């Protein structure tokens, strides 16, 4: 399903950045003035988001690897969505099945955790 990261709803972006830097993470993308940072340590990715959503989110990026580089021959998000629908999965939001390119959909697991599949290409 592409690169995996966890998107954390943080109270103070600067405090969280400093904490994860102590764990060996470095800023990979994002911007303090936009209230989010993507941090990386090896292949591990953590998104820090201040004031954007209430809960933590498990994020998958079809078509991207952990360096935000395109993966050749990836499964398009609409195909993933159709496959999951066939398995009876319920969606919070859906990608436009008639579209192409960037799109996303959201699921919730049995324990209420939000799962975002977010295709950027």
Protein backbone atom coordinates (compact mmCIF):
# COMPACT_ATOMS: atom_id res chain seq x y z
CA UNK A 1 0.00 0.00 0.00
CA UNK A 2 2.99 2.31 -0.25
CA UNK A 3 5.05 4.13 2.33
CA UNK A 4 3.74 3.91 5.88
CA UNK A 5 3.84 6.67 8.47
CA UNK A 6 1.98 7.65 11.57
CA UNK A 7 0.47 11.11 11.64
CA UNK A 8 0.42 12.45 15.19
CA UNK A 9 -1.93 15.16 16.42
CA UNK A 10 0.44 17.23 18.56
CA UNK A 11 -0.22 20.07 21.01
CA UNK A 12 3.01 22.00 20.36
CA UNK A 13 4.84 21.38 17.09
CA UNK A 14 8.14 22.80 18.31
CA UNK A 15 8.16 20.71 21.52
CA UNK A 16 7.29 17.56 19.54
CA UNK A 17 9.97 18.32 16.92
CA UNK A 18 12.60 18.66 19.63
CA UNK A 19 11.45 15.40 21.28
CA UNK A 20 11.65 13.36 18.06
CA UNK A 21 15.00 14.94 17.15
CA UNK A 22 16.36 13.54 20.42
CA UNK A 23 15.17 10.11 19.20
CA UNK A 24 17.22 10.57 16.02
CA UNK A 25 14.54 11.89 13.67
CA UNK A 26 15.28 14.79 11.30
CA UNK A 27 12.88 17.07 9.45
CA UNK A 28 12.18 15.60 6.02
CA UNK A 29 9.30 17.78 4.77
CA UNK A 30 6.66 20.24 5.92
CA UNK A 31 7.00 23.65 7.51
CA UNK A 32 6.62 25.11 10.98
CA UNK A 33 4.54 28.03 9.59
CA UNK A 34 2.12 25.51 8.04
CA UNK A 35 1.80 23.66 11.40
CA UNK A 36 3.18 20.33 10.23
CA UNK A 37 6.48 18.51 9.85
CA UNK A 38 7.32 15.12 8.41
CA UNK A 39 10.25 13.60 10.28
CA UNK A 40 12.40 10.67 9.26
CA UNK A 41 14.76 8.24 10.97
CA UNK A 42 16.01 5.62 8.53
CA UNK A 43 12.87 4.20 6.91
CA UNK A 44 10.61 5.36 9.78
CA UNK A 45 8.34 8.33 9.09
CA UNK A 46 6.36 10.38 11.61
CA UNK A 47 4.13 13.28 10.68
CA UNK A 48 3.62 15.93 13.35
CA UNK A 49 0.43 17.98 12.86
CA UNK A 50 -0.58 20.80 15.20
CA UNK A 51 -4.26 21.76 15.18
CA UNK A 52 -5.18 19.84 12.03
CA UNK A 53 -7.03 16.82 13.43
CA UNK A 54 -8.00 15.34 16.79
CA UNK A 55 -6.65 11.79 16.67
CA UNK A 56 -3.53 10.06 15.44
CA UNK A 57 -3.76 8.59 11.95
CA UNK A 58 -2.10 5.59 10.33
CA UNK A 59 -1.10 6.79 6.85
CA UNK A 60 -0.23 4.82 3.71
CA UNK A 61 0.92 6.53 0.51
CA UNK A 62 0.33 4.36 -2.58
CA UNK A 63 2.91 5.17 -5.23
CA UNK A 64 5.53 6.56 -2.85
CA UNK A 65 8.42 4.99 -1.02
CA UNK A 66 9.67 6.28 2.35
CA UNK A 67 11.67 9.00 0.55
CA UNK A 68 8.56 10.38 -1.23
CA UNK A 69 9.89 8.95 -4.50
CA UNK A 70 7.56 7.36 -7.03
CA UNK A 71 7.32 3.57 -6.96
CA UNK A 72 6.99 2.06 -10.43
CA UNK A 73 4.02 -0.21 -11.05
CA UNK A 74 2.12 0.70 -7.86
CA UNK A 75 -1.55 -0.16 -7.35
CA UNK A 76 -3.73 2.91 -7.89
CA UNK A 77 -5.78 4.02 -4.89
CA UNK A 78 -9.04 3.50 -6.77
CA UNK A 79 -8.17 -0.13 -7.40
CA UNK A 80 -7.29 -0.59 -3.72
CA UNK A 81 -10.61 1.04 -2.77
CA UNK A 82 -12.60 -1.27 -5.09
CA UNK A 83 -10.81 -4.33 -3.69
CA UNK A 84 -11.57 -3.27 -0.10
CA UNK A 85 -15.21 -2.56 -0.96
CA UNK A 86 -15.49 -6.09 -2.39
CA UNK A 87 -14.30 -7.34 1.00
CA UNK A 88 -17.09 -5.41 2.75
CA UNK A 89 -14.95 -2.61 4.20
CA UNK A 90 -16.82 0.56 5.24
CA UNK A 91 -15.37 3.96 4.37
CA UNK A 92 -15.45 7.30 6.21
CA UNK A 93 -14.60 9.04 2.92
CA UNK A 94 -13.90 7.73 -0.56
CA UNK A 95 -11.77 8.57 -3.57
CA UNK A 96 -13.64 9.48 -6.75
CA UNK A 97 -13.63 6.20 -8.66
CA UNK A 98 -13.86 8.06 -11.98
CA UNK A 99 -10.85 10.26 -11.29
CA UNK A 100 -7.14 9.77 -11.79
CA UNK A 101 -3.98 10.96 -10.08
CA UNK A 102 -3.94 12.20 -6.49
CA UNK A 103 -6.78 10.99 -4.27
CA UNK A 104 -7.43 9.62 -0.80
CA UNK A 105 -9.85 7.61 1.27
CA UNK A 106 -10.30 7.04 4.99
CA UNK A 107 -11.22 3.93 6.96
CA UNK A 108 -11.63 3.35 10.67
CA UNK A 109 -10.40 0.11 12.23
CA UNK A 110 -12.48 -1.84 14.79
CA UNK A 111 -10.89 0.14 17.65
CA UNK A 112 -11.65 3.54 16.15
CA UNK A 113 -8.18 4.23 14.74
CA UNK A 114 -8.22 6.33 11.58
CA UNK A 115 -6.47 4.91 8.52
CA UNK A 116 -5.72 7.27 5.63
CA UNK A 117 -4.66 6.06 2.20
CA UNK A 118 -3.33 9.18 0.49
CA UNK A 119 -2.00 8.94 -3.08
CA UNK A 120 -0.01 12.00 -4.17
CA UNK A 121 0.70 11.02 -7.79
